[in-house]
Amino acid sequence: MAPTYPLTAQGYRIGEVAARSGVSAANIRYYEKEGLIAPQGRSDNSYRVYGDADIHTLRFVRLCRAMDMSLDEVRTLLALDLRSKADCATAREALDGHLGHVSARLAELQALEKDLRRLRDRCDGSDGHCHIIEALHALADAQPAAKERGSSAHRHV
């Protein structure tokens, strides 16, 4: 049975918030460091204290991260007012930008799939040695050093 954490006079301790939000305590601390969430304060014994709004924010962050949004994209969305028409346009722009990233990643993944299929087709296991491993070693030898690649190096996800 999972431990229960009582609501303190000021709010919830981090273990209860983690259980209620689905975000680990380590990630909650990281999101604090990144400025996505701030505890309401500290209890008498210096434990972080959170409220229901913090649990909602963490669920929101978890949802956005599950959609593969960056912390900057999440930060942008968290800063918006859901009742503001102008903020609605900003949210659309943020999502359009994220869709662009997703499309680029899909293209990278499709290229990776093709590369892997070509590599897989090099060997059916009937030969005296593995052409897949041979090809991987040849590709590794052909890789430029990191400083030679520069920032435009092809990256698979």
N, C-alpha and C. Protein backbone atom coordinates (compact mmCIF):
# COMPACT_ATOMS: atom_id res chain seq x y z
N MET A 1 0.84 -1.18 0.00
CA MET A 1 0.00 0.00 0.00
C MET A 1 0.88 1.24 0.00
N ALA A 2 0.53 2.21 -0.82
CA ALA A 2 1.32 3.43 -0.93
C ALA A 2 1.20 4.26 0.35
N PRO A 3 2.31 4.90 0.74
CA PRO A 3 2.23 5.72 1.94
C PRO A 3 1.32 6.92 1.72
N THR A 4 0.71 7.37 2.78
CA THR A 4 -0.12 8.56 2.68
C THR A 4 0.61 9.71 3.34
N TYR A 5 0.46 10.87 2.77
CA TYR A 5 1.11 12.06 3.27
C TYR A 5 0.00 13.04 3.65
N PRO A 6 -0.05 13.41 4.89
CA PRO A 6 -1.15 14.29 5.29
C PRO A 6 -0.97 15.69 4.74
N LEU A 7 -2.07 16.33 4.54
CA LEU A 7 -2.08 17.75 4.17
C LEU A 7 -1.59 18.51 5.39
N THR A 8 -0.52 19.27 5.23
CA THR A 8 -0.06 20.08 6.35
C THR A 8 -0.99 21.27 6.47
N ALA A 9 -0.80 22.06 7.49
CA ALA A 9 -1.65 23.24 7.68
C ALA A 9 -1.53 24.17 6.48
N GLN A 10 -0.36 24.17 5.83
CA GLN A 10 -0.15 25.08 4.70
C GLN A 10 -0.39 24.42 3.35
N GLY A 11 -0.30 23.11 3.25
CA GLY A 11 -0.45 22.44 1.96
C GLY A 11 0.09 21.02 2.00
N TYR A 12 0.54 20.54 0.85
CA TYR A 12 1.01 19.16 0.72
C TYR A 12 2.54 19.13 0.69
N ARG A 13 3.09 18.02 1.19
CA ARG A 13 4.52 17.80 1.08
C ARG A 13 4.81 17.18 -0.28
N ILE A 14 6.06 17.21 -0.68
CA ILE A 14 6.46 16.83 -2.03
C ILE A 14 6.06 15.39 -2.38
N GLY A 15 6.12 14.46 -1.44
CA GLY A 15 5.74 13.07 -1.72
C GLY A 15 4.29 12.94 -2.12
N GLU A 16 3.41 13.67 -1.43
CA GLU A 16 1.99 13.63 -1.76
C GLU A 16 1.74 14.31 -3.11
N VAL A 17 2.43 15.40 -3.35
CA VAL A 17 2.28 16.10 -4.64
C VAL A 17 2.74 15.20 -5.78
N ALA A 18 3.84 14.49 -5.56
CA ALA A 18 4.33 13.55 -6.58
C ALA A 18 3.27 12.48 -6.85
N ALA A 19 2.70 11.92 -5.80
CA ALA A 19 1.69 10.88 -5.96
C ALA A 19 0.44 11.42 -6.65
N ARG A 20 0.02 12.62 -6.31
CA ARG A 20 -1.21 13.19 -6.88
C ARG A 20 -1.02 13.71 -8.31
N SER A 21 0.19 14.12 -8.65
CA SER A 21 0.42 14.71 -9.97
C SER A 21 0.96 13.72 -10.99
N GLY A 22 1.57 12.63 -10.51
CA GLY A 22 2.21 11.69 -11.42
C GLY A 22 3.59 12.13 -11.84
N VAL A 23 4.13 13.14 -11.17
CA VAL A 23 5.47 13.66 -11.47
C VAL A 23 6.36 13.28 -10.29
N SER A 24 7.52 12.70 -10.58
CA SER A 24 8.40 12.27 -9.50
C SER A 24 8.90 13.46 -8.68
N ALA A 25 9.26 13.19 -7.44
CA ALA A 25 9.79 14.25 -6.57
C ALA A 25 11.05 14.87 -7.18
N ALA A 26 11.89 14.04 -7.80
CA ALA A 26 13.10 14.56 -8.44
C ALA A 26 12.74 15.52 -9.57
N ASN A 27 11.72 15.18 -10.38
CA ASN A 27 11.32 16.08 -11.46
C ASN A 27 10.66 17.33 -10.91
N ILE A 28 9.93 17.22 -9.82
CA ILE A 28 9.33 18.41 -9.21
C ILE A 28 10.44 19.38 -8.80
N ARG A 29 11.48 18.86 -8.17
CA ARG A 29 12.61 19.72 -7.78
C ARG A 29 13.26 20.34 -9.01
N TYR A 30 13.40 19.55 -10.08
CA TYR A 30 13.99 20.07 -11.32
C TYR A 30 13.11 21.17 -11.91
N TYR A 31 11.80 20.95 -11.95
CA TYR A 31 10.89 21.97 -12.49
C TYR A 31 10.92 23.23 -11.64
N GLU A 32 11.13 23.08 -10.35
CA GLU A 32 11.31 24.25 -9.48
C GLU A 32 12.55 25.02 -9.90
N LYS A 33 13.64 24.28 -10.07
CA LYS A 33 14.92 24.90 -10.46
C LYS A 33 14.77 25.63 -11.80
N GLU A 34 13.96 25.07 -12.69
CA GLU A 34 13.74 25.67 -14.02
C GLU A 34 12.69 26.78 -13.99
N GLY A 35 12.08 27.02 -12.85
CA GLY A 35 11.12 28.11 -12.71
C GLY A 35 9.72 27.80 -13.21
N LEU A 36 9.40 26.52 -13.44
CA LEU A 36 8.06 26.16 -13.90
C LEU A 36 7.06 26.09 -12.75
N ILE A 37 7.57 25.88 -11.56
CA ILE A 37 6.71 25.76 -10.37
C ILE A 37 7.50 26.30 -9.18
N ALA A 38 6.78 26.82 -8.23
CA ALA A 38 7.40 27.29 -6.99
C ALA A 38 6.55 26.83 -5.82
N PRO A 39 7.16 26.20 -4.82
CA PRO A 39 6.36 25.79 -3.67
C PRO A 39 5.78 27.01 -2.97
N GLN A 40 4.67 26.79 -2.28
CA GLN A 40 4.04 27.89 -1.54
C GLN A 40 4.96 28.40 -0.44
N GLY A 41 5.84 27.55 -0.01
CA GLY A 41 6.75 27.92 1.05
C GLY A 41 7.37 26.69 1.67
N ARG A 42 7.78 26.83 2.91
CA ARG A 42 8.39 25.73 3.64
C ARG A 42 7.65 25.56 4.96
N SER A 43 7.56 24.32 5.38
CA SER A 43 6.92 24.05 6.67
C SER A 43 7.92 24.36 7.79
N ASP A 44 7.48 24.21 9.02
CA ASP A 44 8.34 24.48 10.17
C ASP A 44 9.61 23.64 10.15
N ASN A 45 9.51 22.43 9.58
CA ASN A 45 10.68 21.56 9.53
C ASN A 45 11.39 21.64 8.16
N SER A 46 11.15 22.72 7.42
CA SER A 46 11.82 23.05 6.14
C SER A 46 11.41 22.18 4.96
N TYR A 47 10.32 21.41 5.07
CA TYR A 47 9.83 20.67 3.91
C TYR A 47 9.14 21.63 2.96
N ARG A 48 9.29 21.37 1.65
CA ARG A 48 8.57 22.15 0.65
C ARG A 48 7.07 21.91 0.85
N VAL A 49 6.28 22.94 0.63
CA VAL A 49 4.83 22.83 0.79
C VAL A 49 4.17 23.33 -0.50
N TYR A 50 3.23 22.52 -1.01
CA TYR A 50 2.54 22.81 -2.26
C TYR A 50 1.04 22.81 -2.05
N GLY A 51 0.32 23.46 -2.98
CA GLY A 51 -1.14 23.48 -2.93
C GLY A 51 -1.74 22.77 -4.13
N ASP A 52 -3.08 22.79 -4.19
CA ASP A 52 -3.80 22.14 -5.29
C ASP A 52 -3.44 22.75 -6.64
N ALA A 53 -3.22 24.06 -6.69
CA ALA A 53 -2.84 24.71 -7.95
C ALA A 53 -1.50 24.17 -8.45
N ASP A 54 -0.59 23.87 -7.53
CA ASP A 54 0.71 23.31 -7.92
C ASP A 54 0.54 21.92 -8.51
N ILE A 55 -0.36 21.14 -7.94
CA ILE A 55 -0.64 19.80 -8.47
C ILE A 55 -1.18 19.92 -9.89
N HIS A 56 -2.09 20.86 -10.10
CA HIS A 56 -2.61 21.08 -11.45
C HIS A 56 -1.49 21.49 -12.41
N THR A 57 -0.65 22.41 -11.98
CA THR A 57 0.46 22.87 -12.83
C THR A 57 1.37 21.71 -13.20
N LEU A 58 1.68 20.85 -12.24
CA LEU A 58 2.53 19.69 -12.52
C LEU A 58 1.87 18.72 -13.48
N ARG A 59 0.57 18.53 -13.35
CA ARG A 59 -0.15 17.68 -14.32
C ARG A 59 -0.10 18.30 -15.71
N PHE A 60 -0.24 19.62 -15.79
CA PHE A 60 -0.15 20.34 -17.05
C PHE A 60 1.23 20.15 -17.67
N VAL A 61 2.27 20.32 -16.86
CA VAL A 61 3.65 20.14 -17.34
C VAL A 61 3.84 18.71 -17.82
N ARG A 62 3.37 17.73 -17.04
CA ARG A 62 3.51 16.32 -17.42
C ARG A 62 2.82 16.05 -18.76
N LEU A 63 1.63 16.60 -18.95
CA LEU A 63 0.90 16.43 -20.21
C LEU A 63 1.68 17.02 -21.38
N CYS A 64 2.17 18.24 -21.21
CA CYS A 64 2.94 18.89 -22.28
C CYS A 64 4.22 18.12 -22.58
N ARG A 65 4.89 17.64 -21.55
CA ARG A 65 6.13 16.88 -21.76
C ARG A 65 5.82 15.56 -22.47
N ALA A 66 4.66 14.96 -22.17
CA ALA A 66 4.25 13.73 -22.86
C ALA A 66 4.00 14.00 -24.34
N MET A 67 3.67 15.26 -24.67
CA MET A 67 3.52 15.66 -26.08
C MET A 67 4.85 16.10 -26.67
N ASP A 68 5.93 15.83 -25.93
CA ASP A 68 7.30 16.11 -26.34
C ASP A 68 7.60 17.59 -26.47
N MET A 69 6.91 18.42 -25.72
CA MET A 69 7.21 19.86 -25.74
C MET A 69 8.44 20.12 -24.90
N SER A 70 9.22 21.09 -25.34
CA SER A 70 10.40 21.50 -24.58
C SER A 70 9.97 22.27 -23.34
N LEU A 71 10.88 22.43 -22.41
CA LEU A 71 10.56 23.21 -21.21
C LEU A 71 10.25 24.65 -21.58
N ASP A 72 10.92 25.19 -22.59
CA ASP A 72 10.62 26.56 -23.03
C ASP A 72 9.20 26.66 -23.58
N GLU A 73 8.78 25.66 -24.34
CA GLU A 73 7.41 25.66 -24.86
C GLU A 73 6.40 25.56 -23.71
N VAL A 74 6.70 24.72 -22.74
CA VAL A 74 5.81 24.58 -21.58
C VAL A 74 5.76 25.89 -20.81
N ARG A 75 6.92 26.50 -20.62
CA ARG A 75 7.00 27.78 -19.90
C ARG A 75 6.14 28.83 -20.60
N THR A 76 6.19 28.88 -21.91
CA THR A 76 5.38 29.82 -22.69
C THR A 76 3.90 29.58 -22.43
N LEU A 77 3.48 28.33 -22.51
CA LEU A 77 2.06 28.00 -22.32
C LEU A 77 1.60 28.28 -20.89
N LEU A 78 2.46 28.00 -19.92
CA LEU A 78 2.09 28.25 -18.53
C LEU A 78 1.88 29.74 -18.25
N ALA A 79 2.59 30.57 -18.99
CA ALA A 79 2.51 32.02 -18.76
C ALA A 79 1.25 32.64 -19.36
N LEU A 80 0.50 31.88 -20.15
CA LEU A 80 -0.67 32.43 -20.84
C LEU A 80 -1.92 32.39 -19.97
N ASP A 81 -2.80 33.34 -20.23
CA ASP A 81 -4.09 33.44 -19.54
C ASP A 81 -5.14 32.82 -20.45
N LEU A 82 -5.82 31.79 -19.98
CA LEU A 82 -6.78 31.10 -20.84
C LEU A 82 -7.99 31.95 -21.21
N ARG A 83 -8.17 33.07 -20.57
CA ARG A 83 -9.30 33.95 -20.88
C ARG A 83 -8.93 35.06 -21.85
N SER A 84 -7.68 35.15 -22.24
CA SER A 84 -7.22 36.23 -23.10
C SER A 84 -7.17 35.80 -24.56
N LYS A 85 -7.84 36.56 -25.42
CA LYS A 85 -7.84 36.26 -26.86
C LYS A 85 -6.43 36.37 -27.44
N ALA A 86 -5.68 37.37 -26.99
CA ALA A 86 -4.30 37.54 -27.46
C ALA A 86 -3.45 36.34 -27.06
N ASP A 87 -3.67 35.84 -25.86
CA ASP A 87 -2.91 34.68 -25.42
C ASP A 87 -3.30 33.43 -26.20
N CYS A 88 -4.51 33.38 -26.70
CA CYS A 88 -4.93 32.26 -27.54
C CYS A 88 -4.08 32.24 -28.82
N ALA A 89 -3.84 33.40 -29.39
CA ALA A 89 -3.00 33.48 -30.59
C ALA A 89 -1.57 33.03 -30.27
N THR A 90 -1.08 33.42 -29.12
CA THR A 90 0.26 33.01 -28.70
C THR A 90 0.33 31.49 -28.52
N ALA A 91 -0.72 30.92 -27.94
CA ALA A 91 -0.77 29.47 -27.76
C ALA A 91 -0.76 28.76 -29.11
N ARG A 92 -1.52 29.29 -30.07
CA ARG A 92 -1.54 28.71 -31.42
C ARG A 92 -0.16 28.77 -32.05
N GLU A 93 0.51 29.91 -31.90
CA GLU A 93 1.87 30.06 -32.45
C GLU A 93 2.82 29.06 -31.81
N ALA A 94 2.71 28.89 -30.50
CA ALA A 94 3.57 27.93 -29.80
C ALA A 94 3.32 26.52 -30.31
N LEU A 95 2.05 26.17 -30.49
CA LEU A 95 1.74 24.84 -31.00
C LEU A 95 2.17 24.66 -32.45
N ASP A 96 2.03 25.71 -33.25
CA ASP A 96 2.51 25.64 -34.64
C ASP A 96 4.02 25.39 -34.67
N GLY A 97 4.75 26.08 -33.79
CA GLY A 97 6.19 25.87 -33.71
C GLY A 97 6.51 24.44 -33.30
N HIS A 98 5.77 23.93 -32.34
CA HIS A 98 6.00 22.56 -31.89
C HIS A 98 5.66 21.56 -32.99
N LEU A 99 4.59 21.82 -33.72
CA LEU A 99 4.25 20.95 -34.86
C LEU A 99 5.38 20.91 -35.88
N GLY A 100 6.02 22.04 -36.08
CA GLY A 100 7.18 22.08 -36.98
C GLY A 100 8.30 21.17 -36.48
N HIS A 101 8.57 21.21 -35.16
CA HIS A 101 9.59 20.33 -34.59
C HIS A 101 9.20 18.86 -34.74
N VAL A 102 7.93 18.56 -34.52
CA VAL A 102 7.45 17.18 -34.64
C VAL A 102 7.60 16.70 -36.08
N SER A 103 7.26 17.55 -37.04
CA SER A 103 7.40 17.18 -38.45
C SER A 103 8.85 16.90 -38.80
N ALA A 104 9.76 17.74 -38.29
CA ALA A 104 11.19 17.53 -38.55
C ALA A 104 11.65 16.20 -37.94
N ARG A 105 11.19 15.91 -36.73
CA ARG A 105 11.57 14.65 -36.08
C ARG A 105 11.01 13.46 -36.83
N LEU A 106 9.78 13.60 -37.34
CA LEU A 106 9.21 12.50 -38.13
C LEU A 106 10.06 12.22 -39.36
N ALA A 107 10.50 13.27 -40.02
CA ALA A 107 11.37 13.10 -41.19
C ALA A 107 12.67 12.41 -40.79
N GLU A 108 13.25 12.82 -39.66
CA GLU A 108 14.47 12.17 -39.17
C GLU A 108 14.22 10.70 -38.86
N LEU A 109 13.09 10.41 -38.22
CA LEU A 109 12.78 9.02 -37.88
C LEU A 109 12.54 8.18 -39.13
N GLN A 110 11.91 8.75 -40.16
CA GLN A 110 11.70 8.01 -41.40
C GLN A 110 13.03 7.73 -42.08
N ALA A 111 13.95 8.70 -42.05
CA ALA A 111 15.28 8.48 -42.61
C ALA A 111 16.02 7.39 -41.82
N LEU A 112 15.89 7.43 -40.50
CA LEU A 112 16.50 6.41 -39.66
C LEU A 112 15.94 5.04 -39.98
N GLU A 113 14.62 4.95 -40.14
CA GLU A 113 14.00 3.68 -40.47
C GLU A 113 14.56 3.13 -41.79
N LYS A 114 14.70 3.99 -42.80
CA LYS A 114 15.27 3.55 -44.08
C LYS A 114 16.69 3.05 -43.89
N ASP A 115 17.51 3.81 -43.15
CA ASP A 115 18.89 3.41 -42.90
C ASP A 115 18.95 2.05 -42.20
N LEU A 116 18.10 1.86 -41.21
CA LEU A 116 18.10 0.60 -40.46
C LEU A 116 17.63 -0.57 -41.33
N ARG A 117 16.64 -0.33 -42.16
CA ARG A 117 16.17 -1.40 -43.06
C ARG A 117 17.26 -1.79 -44.07
N ARG A 118 17.95 -0.78 -44.62
CA ARG A 118 19.05 -1.07 -45.56
C ARG A 118 20.15 -1.87 -44.85
N LEU A 119 20.45 -1.46 -43.62
CA LEU A 119 21.46 -2.16 -42.85
C LEU A 119 21.02 -3.60 -42.57
N ARG A 120 19.80 -3.75 -42.18
CA ARG A 120 19.25 -5.09 -41.87
C ARG A 120 19.29 -6.00 -43.10
N ASP A 121 19.05 -5.43 -44.28
CA ASP A 121 19.01 -6.21 -45.51
C ASP A 121 20.39 -6.68 -45.97
N ARG A 122 21.44 -6.18 -45.34
CA ARG A 122 22.79 -6.55 -45.74
C ARG A 122 23.17 -7.96 -45.32
N CYS A 123 22.42 -8.52 -44.40
CA CYS A 123 22.81 -9.82 -43.86
C CYS A 123 21.58 -10.67 -43.57
N ASP A 124 21.58 -11.90 -44.07
CA ASP A 124 20.48 -12.81 -43.75
C ASP A 124 20.93 -13.91 -42.80
N GLY A 125 22.18 -13.84 -42.36
CA GLY A 125 22.69 -14.82 -41.40
C GLY A 125 23.26 -16.07 -42.03
N SER A 126 23.24 -16.17 -43.35
CA SER A 126 23.71 -17.39 -44.01
C SER A 126 25.18 -17.34 -44.40
N ASP A 127 25.80 -16.18 -44.27
CA ASP A 127 27.20 -16.00 -44.69
C ASP A 127 28.13 -16.36 -43.53
N GLY A 128 29.42 -16.40 -43.81
CA GLY A 128 30.41 -16.75 -42.80
C GLY A 128 30.67 -15.67 -41.78
N HIS A 129 30.29 -14.45 -42.08
CA HIS A 129 30.45 -13.36 -41.12
C HIS A 129 29.27 -12.41 -41.25
N CYS A 130 29.14 -11.54 -40.28
CA CYS A 130 27.97 -10.65 -40.23
C CYS A 130 28.23 -9.35 -40.98
N HIS A 131 27.50 -9.15 -42.05
CA HIS A 131 27.67 -7.93 -42.85
C HIS A 131 27.07 -6.71 -42.15
N ILE A 132 26.18 -6.93 -41.22
CA ILE A 132 25.60 -5.81 -40.46
C ILE A 132 26.69 -5.19 -39.59
N ILE A 133 27.38 -6.04 -38.83
CA ILE A 133 28.44 -5.54 -37.95
C ILE A 133 29.56 -4.94 -38.78
N GLU A 134 29.88 -5.58 -39.88
CA GLU A 134 30.90 -5.07 -40.79
C GLU A 134 30.53 -3.66 -41.29
N ALA A 135 29.28 -3.50 -41.69
CA ALA A 135 28.82 -2.20 -42.17
C ALA A 135 28.83 -1.15 -41.06
N LEU A 136 28.43 -1.54 -39.85
CA LEU A 136 28.46 -0.59 -38.73
C LEU A 136 29.87 -0.12 -38.43
N HIS A 137 30.84 -1.05 -38.47
CA HIS A 137 32.24 -0.66 -38.25
C HIS A 137 32.72 0.28 -39.35
N ALA A 138 32.34 0.00 -40.59
CA ALA A 138 32.74 0.88 -41.70
C ALA A 138 32.11 2.27 -41.53
N LEU A 139 30.85 2.31 -41.15
CA LEU A 139 30.18 3.60 -40.92
C LEU A 139 30.82 4.36 -39.77
N ALA A 140 31.20 3.65 -38.71
CA ALA A 140 31.85 4.30 -37.57
C ALA A 140 33.19 4.91 -37.99
N ASP A 141 33.95 4.18 -38.83
CA ASP A 141 35.24 4.72 -39.30
C ASP A 141 35.05 5.94 -40.19
N ALA A 142 33.90 6.01 -40.87
CA ALA A 142 33.64 7.13 -41.78
C ALA A 142 33.10 8.36 -41.06
N GLN A 143 32.77 8.24 -39.78
CA GLN A 143 32.21 9.36 -39.02
C GLN A 143 33.30 10.40 -38.76
N PRO A 144 33.01 11.66 -39.06
CA PRO A 144 33.99 12.71 -38.73
C PRO A 144 34.03 12.94 -37.22
N ALA A 145 35.11 13.49 -36.77
CA ALA A 145 35.21 13.84 -35.35
C ALA A 145 34.19 14.92 -35.04
N ALA A 146 33.82 15.04 -33.79
CA ALA A 146 32.79 16.01 -33.38
C ALA A 146 33.15 17.43 -33.82
N LYS A 147 34.40 17.82 -33.71
CA LYS A 147 34.79 19.18 -34.09
C LYS A 147 34.72 19.39 -35.60
N GLU A 148 34.84 18.31 -36.39
CA GLU A 148 34.74 18.41 -37.85
C GLU A 148 33.29 18.48 -38.31
N ARG A 149 32.37 17.91 -37.51
CA ARG A 149 30.96 17.86 -37.90
C ARG A 149 30.32 19.24 -37.88
N GLY A 150 30.69 20.04 -36.90
CA GLY A 150 30.02 21.33 -36.76
C GLY A 150 28.62 21.15 -36.25
N SER A 151 27.82 22.20 -36.32
CA SER A 151 26.47 22.16 -35.77
C SER A 151 25.45 21.58 -36.75
N SER A 152 25.81 21.37 -37.98
CA SER A 152 24.84 20.88 -38.96
C SER A 152 24.88 19.37 -39.12
N ALA A 153 25.47 18.68 -38.16
CA ALA A 153 25.56 17.22 -38.26
C ALA A 153 24.16 16.61 -38.24
N HIS A 154 24.00 15.55 -39.04
CA HIS A 154 22.71 14.84 -39.08
C HIS A 154 22.54 14.09 -37.77
N ARG A 155 21.40 14.22 -37.17
CA ARG A 155 21.13 13.60 -35.88
C ARG A 155 19.85 12.79 -35.98
N HIS A 156 19.94 11.57 -35.54
CA HIS A 156 18.73 10.77 -35.41
C HIS A 156 18.27 10.87 -33.97
N VAL A 157 16.98 10.80 -33.78
CA VAL A 157 16.41 10.92 -32.44
C VAL A 157 16.49 9.59 -31.74
